[in-house]
C-alpha cells in the first residue's frame, strides 16, 4: 500500500452540514476504491491565492490515505465531477 495526501478546497458558500457531507462523500470515494483514511486535518476557511469560480475563500482539508495506486486515478475521476462544490483538489503520493 502507498501513502497519499489528498488536499481538497471546498466552496466557502457551503453550510456547515453541506461541507461535512462533501467531506464524507470524498471519504466515501476513498473507501469505495479500497483506500483507508488515516487522518483528516481541517485548516478551516482560508483566503485563496486567486479567485476560483468568483470566490476568494475556501475551506481547506488535508486527508491522509493508505491505498493502492489505482485509488488515486479513480478518486481523481470522481473529484473532477464534483466541480461545483470542490474548488480544487490535489492527490500527492507521500515518500
PDB file of N, CA and C in Angstrom:
ATOM      1  N   UNK A   1       0.829  -1.188   0.000  1.00  0.00           N
ATOM      2  CA  UNK A   1       0.000   0.000   0.000  1.00  0.00           C
ATOM      3  C   UNK A   1       0.871   1.247   0.000  1.00  0.00           C
ATOM      4  N   UNK A   2       0.388   2.267  -0.671  1.00  0.00           N
ATOM      5  CA  UNK A   2       1.065   3.550  -0.724  1.00  0.00           C
ATOM      6  C   UNK A   2       0.376   4.533   0.208  1.00  0.00           C
ATOM      7  N   UNK A   3       1.112   5.537   0.632  1.00  0.00           N
ATOM      8  CA  UNK A   3       0.541   6.605   1.447  1.00  0.00           C
ATOM      9  C   UNK A   3       0.316   7.814   0.553  1.00  0.00           C
ATOM     10  N   UNK A   4      -0.872   8.409   0.666  1.00  0.00           N
ATOM     11  CA  UNK A   4      -1.239   9.572  -0.121  1.00  0.00           C
ATOM     12  C   UNK A   4      -1.736  10.675   0.795  1.00  0.00           C
ATOM     13  N   UNK A   5      -1.636  11.908   0.298  1.00  0.00           N
ATOM     14  CA  UNK A   5      -2.298  13.030   0.936  1.00  0.00           C
ATOM     15  C   UNK A   5      -3.209  13.653  -0.109  1.00  0.00           C
ATOM     16  N   UNK A   6      -4.481  13.790   0.258  1.00  0.00           N
ATOM     17  CA  UNK A   6      -5.472  14.367  -0.632  1.00  0.00           C
ATOM     18  C   UNK A   6      -5.824  15.747  -0.079  1.00  0.00           C
ATOM     19  N   UNK A   7      -5.502  16.774  -0.829  1.00  0.00           N
ATOM     20  CA  UNK A   7      -5.840  18.144  -0.444  1.00  0.00           C
ATOM     21  C   UNK A   7      -7.115  18.532  -1.184  1.00  0.00           C
ATOM     22  N   UNK A   8      -8.090  19.056  -0.430  1.00  0.00           N
ATOM     23  CA  UNK A   8      -9.374  19.431  -1.012  1.00  0.00           C
ATOM     24  C   UNK A   8      -9.726  20.839  -0.547  1.00  0.00           C
ATOM     25  N   UNK A   9     -10.134  21.690  -1.492  1.00  0.00           N
ATOM     26  CA  UNK A   9     -10.623  23.032  -1.166  1.00  0.00           C
ATOM     27  C   UNK A   9     -12.090  23.074  -1.561  1.00  0.00           C
ATOM     28  N   UNK A  10     -12.951  23.255  -0.552  1.00  0.00           N
ATOM     29  CA  UNK A  10     -14.391  23.300  -0.782  1.00  0.00           C
ATOM     30  C   UNK A  10     -14.876  24.737  -0.852  1.00  0.00           C
ATOM     31  N   UNK A  11     -15.984  24.925  -1.509  1.00  0.00           N
ATOM     32  CA  UNK A  11     -16.583  26.246  -1.672  1.00  0.00           C
ATOM     33  C   UNK A  11     -16.897  26.877  -0.321  1.00  0.00           C
ATOM     34  N   UNK A  12     -16.648  28.172  -0.199  1.00  0.00           N
ATOM     35  CA  UNK A  12     -16.919  28.881   1.054  1.00  0.00           C
ATOM     36  C   UNK A  12     -18.401  29.199   1.221  1.00  0.00           C
ATOM     37  N   UNK A  13     -19.201  28.977   0.197  1.00  0.00           N
ATOM     38  CA  UNK A  13     -20.636  29.259   0.284  1.00  0.00           C
ATOM     39  C   UNK A  13     -21.425  28.105   0.893  1.00  0.00           C
ATOM     40  N   UNK A  14     -20.781  26.970   1.150  1.00  0.00           N
ATOM     41  CA  UNK A  14     -21.470  25.809   1.707  1.00  0.00           C
ATOM     42  C   UNK A  14     -21.798  26.023   3.181  1.00  0.00           C
ATOM     43  N   UNK A  15     -22.925  25.484   3.606  1.00  0.00           N
ATOM     44  CA  UNK A  15     -23.262  25.489   5.033  1.00  0.00           C
ATOM     45  C   UNK A  15     -22.399  24.442   5.733  1.00  0.00           C
ATOM     46  N   UNK A  16     -22.384  24.477   7.062  1.00  0.00           N
ATOM     47  CA  UNK A  16     -21.592  23.503   7.817  1.00  0.00           C
ATOM     48  C   UNK A  16     -22.027  22.072   7.493  1.00  0.00           C
ATOM     49  N   UNK A  17     -23.328  21.846   7.420  1.00  0.00           N
ATOM     50  CA  UNK A  17     -23.836  20.499   7.135  1.00  0.00           C
ATOM     51  C   UNK A  17     -23.442  20.047   5.728  1.00  0.00           C
ATOM     52  N   UNK A  18     -23.560  20.943   4.762  1.00  0.00           N
ATOM     53  CA  UNK A  18     -23.206  20.605   3.383  1.00  0.00           C
ATOM     54  C   UNK A  18     -21.717  20.354   3.245  1.00  0.00           C
ATOM     55  N   UNK A  19     -20.916  21.136   3.968  1.00  0.00           N
ATOM     56  CA  UNK A  19     -19.466  20.956   3.919  1.00  0.00           C
ATOM     57  C   UNK A  19     -19.073  19.602   4.502  1.00  0.00           C
ATOM     58  N   UNK A  20     -19.674  19.229   5.627  1.00  0.00           N
ATOM     59  CA  UNK A  20     -19.388  17.923   6.226  1.00  0.00           C
ATOM     60  C   UNK A  20     -19.870  16.790   5.322  1.00  0.00           C
ATOM     61  N   UNK A  21     -20.993  17.001   4.637  1.00  0.00           N
ATOM     62  CA  UNK A  21     -21.492  15.987   3.707  1.00  0.00           C
ATOM     63  C   UNK A  21     -20.526  15.806   2.538  1.00  0.00           C
ATOM     64  N   UNK A  22     -19.979  16.899   2.035  1.00  0.00           N
ATOM     65  CA  UNK A  22     -18.996  16.810   0.946  1.00  0.00           C
ATOM     66  C   UNK A  22     -17.730  16.078   1.402  1.00  0.00           C
ATOM     67  N   UNK A  23     -17.288  16.375   2.615  1.00  0.00           N
ATOM     68  CA  UNK A  23     -16.102  15.699   3.154  1.00  0.00           C
ATOM     69  C   UNK A  23     -16.371  14.204   3.296  1.00  0.00           C
ATOM     70  N   UNK A  24     -17.557  13.844   3.792  1.00  0.00           N
ATOM     71  CA  UNK A  24     -17.911  12.432   3.923  1.00  0.00           C
ATOM     72  C   UNK A  24     -18.007  11.761   2.552  1.00  0.00           C
ATOM     73  N   UNK A  25     -18.462  12.509   1.549  1.00  0.00           N
ATOM     74  CA  UNK A  25     -18.538  11.964   0.203  1.00  0.00           C
ATOM     75  C   UNK A  25     -17.136  11.651  -0.329  1.00  0.00           C
ATOM     76  N   UNK A  26     -16.185  12.552  -0.076  1.00  0.00           N
ATOM     77  CA  UNK A  26     -14.798  12.312  -0.500  1.00  0.00           C
ATOM     78  C   UNK A  26     -14.253  11.075   0.218  1.00  0.00           C
ATOM     79  N   UNK A  27     -14.504  10.978   1.521  1.00  0.00           N
ATOM     80  CA  UNK A  27     -14.067   9.792   2.272  1.00  0.00           C
ATOM     81  C   UNK A  27     -14.731   8.529   1.731  1.00  0.00           C
ATOM     82  N   UNK A  28     -15.995   8.652   1.324  1.00  0.00           N
ATOM     83  CA  UNK A  28     -16.699   7.515   0.740  1.00  0.00           C
ATOM     84  C   UNK A  28     -16.075   7.056  -0.563  1.00  0.00           C
ATOM     85  N   UNK A  29     -15.652   8.011  -1.406  1.00  0.00           N
ATOM     86  CA  UNK A  29     -14.962   7.652  -2.645  1.00  0.00           C
ATOM     87  C   UNK A  29     -13.656   6.926  -2.345  1.00  0.00           C
ATOM     88  N   UNK A  30     -12.945   7.398  -1.325  1.00  0.00           N
ATOM     89  CA  UNK A  30     -11.680   6.751  -0.953  1.00  0.00           C
ATOM     90  C   UNK A  30     -11.942   5.320  -0.518  1.00  0.00           C
ATOM     91  N   UNK A  31     -12.961   5.119   0.321  1.00  0.00           N
ATOM     92  CA  UNK A  31     -13.300   3.769   0.788  1.00  0.00           C
ATOM     93  C   UNK A  31     -13.797   2.898  -0.367  1.00  0.00           C
ATOM     94  N   UNK A  32     -14.518   3.499  -1.305  1.00  0.00           N
ATOM     95  CA  UNK A  32     -15.045   2.763  -2.457  1.00  0.00           C
ATOM     96  C   UNK A  32     -13.930   2.111  -3.261  1.00  0.00           C
ATOM     97  N   UNK A  33     -12.783   2.764  -3.325  1.00  0.00           N
ATOM     98  CA  UNK A  33     -11.648   2.241  -4.080  1.00  0.00           C
ATOM     99  C   UNK A  33     -10.587   1.644  -3.167  1.00  0.00           C
ATOM    100  N   UNK A  34     -11.016   1.049  -2.059  1.00  0.00           N
ATOM    101  CA  UNK A  34     -10.193   0.310  -1.102  1.00  0.00           C
ATOM    102  C   UNK A  34      -9.106   1.146  -0.440  1.00  0.00           C
ATOM    103  N   UNK A  35      -9.353   2.412  -0.242  1.00  0.00           N
ATOM    104  CA  UNK A  35      -8.428   3.265   0.495  1.00  0.00           C
ATOM    105  C   UNK A  35      -8.852   3.352   1.950  1.00  0.00           C
ATOM    106  N   UNK A  36      -7.897   3.612   2.831  1.00  0.00           N
ATOM    107  CA  UNK A  36      -8.172   3.741   4.257  1.00  0.00           C
ATOM    108  C   UNK A  36      -7.750   5.141   4.697  1.00  0.00           C
ATOM    109  N   UNK A  37      -8.691   5.918   5.207  1.00  0.00           N
ATOM    110  CA  UNK A  37      -8.399   7.259   5.710  1.00  0.00           C
ATOM    111  C   UNK A  37      -7.738   7.115   7.073  1.00  0.00           C
ATOM    112  N   UNK A  38      -6.523   7.654   7.204  1.00  0.00           N
ATOM    113  CA  UNK A  38      -5.810   7.558   8.481  1.00  0.00           C
ATOM    114  C   UNK A  38      -5.879   8.840   9.292  1.00  0.00           C
ATOM    115  N   UNK A  39      -6.080   9.987   8.630  1.00  0.00           N
ATOM    116  CA  UNK A  39      -6.145  11.260   9.348  1.00  0.00           C
ATOM    117  C   UNK A  39      -6.797  12.315   8.462  1.00  0.00           C
ATOM    118  N   UNK A  40      -7.534  13.226   9.097  1.00  0.00           N
ATOM    119  CA  UNK A  40      -8.126  14.364   8.390  1.00  0.00           C
ATOM    120  C   UNK A  40      -7.699  15.620   9.136  1.00  0.00           C
ATOM    121  N   UNK A  41      -7.038  16.513   8.418  1.00  0.00           N
ATOM    122  CA  UNK A  41      -6.572  17.770   9.003  1.00  0.00           C
ATOM    123  C   UNK A  41      -7.391  18.904   8.395  1.00  0.00           C
ATOM    124  N   UNK A  42      -8.231  19.530   9.228  1.00  0.00           N
ATOM    125  CA  UNK A  42      -9.075  20.628   8.753  1.00  0.00           C
ATOM    126  C   UNK A  42      -8.385  21.942   9.054  1.00  0.00           C
ATOM    127  N   UNK A  43      -8.116  22.728   8.012  1.00  0.00           N
ATOM    128  CA  UNK A  43      -7.485  24.034   8.185  1.00  0.00           C
ATOM    129  C   UNK A  43      -8.510  25.147   8.282  1.00  0.00           C
ATOM    130  N   UNK A  44      -9.752  24.871   7.949  1.00  0.00           N
ATOM    131  CA  UNK A  44     -10.796  25.879   8.039  1.00  0.00           C
ATOM    132  C   UNK A  44     -10.836  26.784   6.819  1.00  0.00           C
ATOM    133  N   UNK A  45     -11.495  27.913   6.998  1.00  0.00           N
ATOM    134  CA  UNK A  45     -11.680  28.863   5.902  1.00  0.00           C
ATOM    135  C   UNK A  45     -10.421  29.706   5.739  1.00  0.00           C
ATOM    136  N   UNK A  46      -9.897  29.728   4.523  1.00  0.00           N
ATOM    137  CA  UNK A  46      -8.685  30.483   4.202  1.00  0.00           C
ATOM    138  C   UNK A  46      -8.900  31.277   2.928  1.00  0.00           C
ATOM    139  N   UNK A  47      -8.136  32.329   2.802  1.00  0.00           N
ATOM    140  CA  UNK A  47      -8.161  33.139   1.583  1.00  0.00           C
ATOM    141  C   UNK A  47      -7.405  32.400   0.483  1.00  0.00           C
ATOM    142  N   UNK A  48      -7.978  32.385  -0.714  1.00  0.00           N
ATOM    143  CA  UNK A  48      -7.337  31.751  -1.861  1.00  0.00           C
ATOM    144  C   UNK A  48      -6.308  32.701  -2.467  1.00  0.00           C
ATOM    145  N   UNK A  49      -5.306  32.146  -3.113  1.00  0.00           N
ATOM    146  CA  UNK A  49      -4.280  32.962  -3.756  1.00  0.00           C
ATOM    147  C   UNK A  49      -4.866  33.748  -4.936  1.00  0.00           C
ATOM    148  N   UNK A  50      -5.883  33.192  -5.568  1.00  0.00           N
ATOM    149  CA  UNK A  50      -6.565  33.850  -6.678  1.00  0.00           C
ATOM    150  C   UNK A  50      -8.010  33.350  -6.692  1.00  0.00           C
ATOM    151  N   UNK A  51      -8.890  34.107  -7.309  1.00  0.00           N
ATOM    152  CA  UNK A  51     -10.301  33.740  -7.343  1.00  0.00           C
ATOM    153  C   UNK A  51     -10.519  32.482  -8.175  1.00  0.00           C
ATOM    154  N   UNK A  52     -11.371  31.612  -7.648  1.00  0.00           N
ATOM    155  CA  UNK A  52     -11.786  30.404  -8.347  1.00  0.00           C
ATOM    156  C   UNK A  52     -13.303  30.423  -8.363  1.00  0.00           C
ATOM    157  N   UNK A  53     -13.909  30.366  -9.517  1.00  0.00           N
ATOM    158  CA  UNK A  53     -15.363  30.419  -9.675  1.00  0.00           C
ATOM    159  C   UNK A  53     -15.958  31.617  -8.926  1.00  0.00           C
ATOM    160  N   UNK A  54     -15.313  32.759  -9.034  1.00  0.00           N
ATOM    161  CA  UNK A  54     -15.734  34.020  -8.413  1.00  0.00           C
ATOM    162  C   UNK A  54     -15.736  33.962  -6.884  1.00  0.00           C
ATOM    163  N   UNK A  55     -14.907  33.103  -6.306  1.00  0.00           N
ATOM    164  CA  UNK A  55     -14.798  33.001  -4.853  1.00  0.00           C
ATOM    165  C   UNK A  55     -13.368  33.293  -4.441  1.00  0.00           C
ATOM    166  N   UNK A  56     -13.216  34.024  -3.347  1.00  0.00           N
ATOM    167  CA  UNK A  56     -11.876  34.370  -2.884  1.00  0.00           C
ATOM    168  C   UNK A  56     -11.489  33.612  -1.620  1.00  0.00           C
ATOM    169  N   UNK A  57     -12.409  32.778  -1.080  1.00  0.00           N
ATOM    170  CA  UNK A  57     -12.117  31.979   0.102  1.00  0.00           C
ATOM    171  C   UNK A  57     -12.600  30.553  -0.110  1.00  0.00           C
ATOM    172  N   UNK A  58     -12.006  29.632   0.647  1.00  0.00           N
ATOM    173  CA  UNK A  58     -12.406  28.236   0.576  1.00  0.00           C
ATOM    174  C   UNK A  58     -12.046  27.513   1.852  1.00  0.00           C
ATOM    175  N   UNK A  59     -12.678  26.370   2.076  1.00  0.00           N
ATOM    176  CA  UNK A  59     -12.392  25.525   3.234  1.00  0.00           C
ATOM    177  C   UNK A  59     -11.370  24.464   2.824  1.00  0.00           C
ATOM    178  N   UNK A  60     -10.272  24.413   3.559  1.00  0.00           N
ATOM    179  CA  UNK A  60      -9.170  23.514   3.239  1.00  0.00           C
ATOM    180  C   UNK A  60      -9.217  22.258   4.107  1.00  0.00           C
ATOM    181  N   UNK A  61      -9.036  21.092   3.467  1.00  0.00           N
ATOM    182  CA  UNK A  61      -8.948  19.815   4.154  1.00  0.00           C
ATOM    183  C   UNK A  61      -7.772  19.039   3.575  1.00  0.00           C
ATOM    184  N   UNK A  62      -7.027  18.377   4.456  1.00  0.00           N
ATOM    185  CA  UNK A  62      -5.931  17.504   4.047  1.00  0.00           C
ATOM    186  C   UNK A  62      -6.205  16.127   4.627  1.00  0.00           C
ATOM    187  N   UNK A  63      -6.372  15.150   3.746  1.00  0.00           N
ATOM    188  CA  UNK A  63      -6.762  13.802   4.146  1.00  0.00           C
ATOM    189  C   UNK A  63      -5.599  12.855   3.870  1.00  0.00           C
ATOM    190  N   UNK A  64      -5.133  12.163   4.898  1.00  0.00           N
ATOM    191  CA  UNK A  64      -4.069  11.166   4.733  1.00  0.00           C
ATOM    192  C   UNK A  64      -4.733   9.818   4.469  1.00  0.00           C
ATOM    193  N   UNK A  65      -4.201   9.101   3.454  1.00  0.00           N
ATOM    194  CA  UNK A  65      -4.830   7.872   2.985  1.00  0.00           C
ATOM    195  C   UNK A  65      -3.776   6.802   2.742  1.00  0.00           C
ATOM    196  N   UNK A  66      -4.102   5.558   3.097  1.00  0.00           N
ATOM    197  CA  UNK A  66      -3.326   4.393   2.699  1.00  0.00           C
ATOM    198  C   UNK A  66      -4.132   3.678   1.620  1.00  0.00           C
ATOM    199  N   UNK A  67      -3.537   3.504   0.425  1.00  0.00           N
ATOM    200  CA  UNK A  67      -4.292   2.898  -0.682  1.00  0.00           C
ATOM    201  C   UNK A  67      -3.350   2.414  -1.771  1.00  0.00           C
ATOM    202  N   UNK A  68      -3.934   1.659  -2.686  1.00  0.00           N
ATOM    203  CA  UNK A  68      -3.213   1.231  -3.872  1.00  0.00           C
ATOM    204  C   UNK A  68      -3.207   2.379  -4.890  1.00  0.00           C
ATOM    205  N   UNK A  69      -2.339   2.279  -5.878  1.00  0.00           N
ATOM    206  CA  UNK A  69      -2.184   3.341  -6.871  1.00  0.00           C
ATOM    207  C   UNK A  69      -3.465   3.572  -7.677  1.00  0.00           C
ATOM    208  N   UNK A  70      -4.252   2.540  -7.883  1.00  0.00           N
ATOM    209  CA  UNK A  70      -5.483   2.696  -8.673  1.00  0.00           C
ATOM    210  C   UNK A  70      -6.487   3.621  -7.982  1.00  0.00           C
ATOM    211  N   UNK A  71      -6.425   3.726  -6.650  1.00  0.00           N
ATOM    212  CA  UNK A  71      -7.336   4.607  -5.926  1.00  0.00           C
ATOM    213  C   UNK A  71      -7.136   6.052  -6.348  1.00  0.00           C
ATOM    214  N   UNK A  72      -5.898   6.479  -6.528  1.00  0.00           N
ATOM    215  CA  UNK A  72      -5.613   7.866  -6.896  1.00  0.00           C
ATOM    216  C   UNK A  72      -6.227   8.208  -8.250  1.00  0.00           C
ATOM    217  N   UNK A  73      -6.130   7.299  -9.187  1.00  0.00           N
ATOM    218  CA  UNK A  73      -6.676   7.530 -10.523  1.00  0.00           C
ATOM    219  C   UNK A  73      -8.199   7.626 -10.468  1.00  0.00           C
ATOM    220  N   UNK A  74      -8.827   6.699  -9.764  1.00  0.00           N
ATOM    221  CA  UNK A  74     -10.285   6.678  -9.672  1.00  0.00           C
ATOM    222  C   UNK A  74     -10.807   7.864  -8.872  1.00  0.00           C
ATOM    223  N   UNK A  75     -10.114   8.220  -7.797  1.00  0.00           N
ATOM    224  CA  UNK A  75     -10.532   9.360  -6.977  1.00  0.00           C
ATOM    225  C   UNK A  75     -10.469  10.649  -7.795  1.00  0.00           C
ATOM    226  N   UNK A  76      -9.443  10.781  -8.605  1.00  0.00           N
ATOM    227  CA  UNK A  76      -9.324  11.974  -9.446  1.00  0.00           C
ATOM    228  C   UNK A  76     -10.497  12.073 -10.417  1.00  0.00           C
ATOM    229  N   UNK A  77     -10.927  10.956 -10.987  1.00  0.00           N
ATOM    230  CA  UNK A  77     -12.088  10.961 -11.880  1.00  0.00           C
ATOM    231  C   UNK A  77     -13.337  11.422 -11.136  1.00  0.00           C
ATOM    232  N   UNK A  78     -13.534  10.906  -9.918  1.00  0.00           N
ATOM    233  CA  UNK A  78     -14.704  11.277  -9.121  1.00  0.00           C
ATOM    234  C   UNK A  78     -14.665  12.765  -8.743  1.00  0.00           C
ATOM    235  N   UNK A  79     -13.498  13.261  -8.360  1.00  0.00           N
ATOM    236  CA  UNK A  79     -13.371  14.651  -7.920  1.00  0.00           C
ATOM    237  C   UNK A  79     -13.608  15.615  -9.083  1.00  0.00           C
ATOM    238  N   UNK A  80     -13.226  15.229 -10.265  1.00  0.00           N
ATOM    239  CA  UNK A  80     -13.423  16.078 -11.428  1.00  0.00           C
ATOM    240  C   UNK A  80     -14.912  16.343 -11.673  1.00  0.00           C
ATOM    241  N   UNK A  81     -15.748  15.386 -11.308  1.00  0.00           N
ATOM    242  CA  UNK A  81     -17.190  15.533 -11.497  1.00  0.00           C
ATOM    243  C   UNK A  81     -17.832  16.430 -10.443  1.00  0.00           C
ATOM    244  N   UNK A  82     -17.168  16.674  -9.318  1.00  0.00           N
ATOM    245  CA  UNK A  82     -17.710  17.458  -8.211  1.00  0.00           C
ATOM    246  C   UNK A  82     -17.295  18.916  -8.342  1.00  0.00           C
ATOM    247  N   UNK A  83     -17.226  19.448  -9.544  1.00  0.00           N
ATOM    248  CA  UNK A  83     -16.625  20.757  -9.780  1.00  0.00           C
ATOM    249  C   UNK A  83     -17.405  21.934  -9.220  1.00  0.00           C
ATOM    250  N   UNK A  84     -18.686  21.775  -8.841  1.00  0.00           N
ATOM    251  CA  UNK A  84     -19.411  22.931  -8.335  1.00  0.00           C
ATOM    252  C   UNK A  84     -19.134  23.193  -6.857  1.00  0.00           C
ATOM    253  N   UNK A  85     -18.800  22.176  -6.080  1.00  0.00           N
ATOM    254  CA  UNK A  85     -18.518  22.393  -4.655  1.00  0.00           C
ATOM    255  C   UNK A  85     -17.050  22.203  -4.305  1.00  0.00           C
ATOM    256  N   UNK A  86     -16.347  21.366  -5.055  1.00  0.00           N
ATOM    257  CA  UNK A  86     -14.909  21.177  -4.847  1.00  0.00           C
ATOM    258  C   UNK A  86     -14.191  22.162  -5.767  1.00  0.00           C
ATOM    259  N   UNK A  87     -13.618  23.194  -5.179  1.00  0.00           N
ATOM    260  CA  UNK A  87     -12.935  24.212  -5.993  1.00  0.00           C
ATOM    261  C   UNK A  87     -11.631  23.676  -6.562  1.00  0.00           C
ATOM    262  N   UNK A  88     -10.846  23.005  -5.722  1.00  0.00           N
ATOM    263  CA  UNK A  88      -9.563  22.429  -6.144  1.00  0.00           C
ATOM    264  C   UNK A  88      -9.286  21.168  -5.331  1.00  0.00           C
ATOM    265  N   UNK A  89      -8.510  20.278  -5.927  1.00  0.00           N
ATOM    266  CA  UNK A  89      -8.071  19.069  -5.233  1.00  0.00           C
ATOM    267  C   UNK A  89      -6.680  18.717  -5.742  1.00  0.00           C
ATOM    268  N   UNK A  90      -5.951  18.003  -4.922  1.00  0.00           N
ATOM    269  CA  UNK A  90      -4.626  17.548  -5.313  1.00  0.00           C
ATOM    270  C   UNK A  90      -4.357  16.246  -4.564  1.00  0.00           C
ATOM    271  N   UNK A  91      -3.905  15.237  -5.296  1.00  0.00           N
ATOM    272  CA  UNK A  91      -3.579  13.956  -4.708  1.00  0.00           C
ATOM    273  C   UNK A  91      -2.076  13.744  -4.857  1.00  0.00           C
ATOM    274  N   UNK A  92      -1.382  13.619  -3.726  1.00  0.00           N
ATOM    275  CA  UNK A  92       0.073  13.517  -3.740  1.00  0.00           C
ATOM    276  C   UNK A  92       0.484  12.228  -3.031  1.00  0.00           C
ATOM    277  N   UNK A  93       1.371  11.464  -3.664  1.00  0.00           N
ATOM    278  CA  UNK A  93       1.901  10.263  -3.024  1.00  0.00           C
ATOM    279  C   UNK A  93       3.020  10.679  -2.076  1.00  0.00           C
ATOM    280  N   UNK A  94       2.941  10.209  -0.842  1.00  0.00           N
ATOM    281  CA  UNK A  94       3.955  10.509   0.163  1.00  0.00           C
ATOM    282  C   UNK A  94       5.118   9.516   0.007  1.00  0.00           C
ATOM    283  N   UNK A  95       6.323   9.996   0.266  1.00  0.00           N
ATOM    284  CA  UNK A  95       7.536   9.179   0.132  1.00  0.00           C
ATOM    285  C   UNK A  95       7.517   8.013   0.988  1.00  0.00           C
TER     286      UNK A  95
END
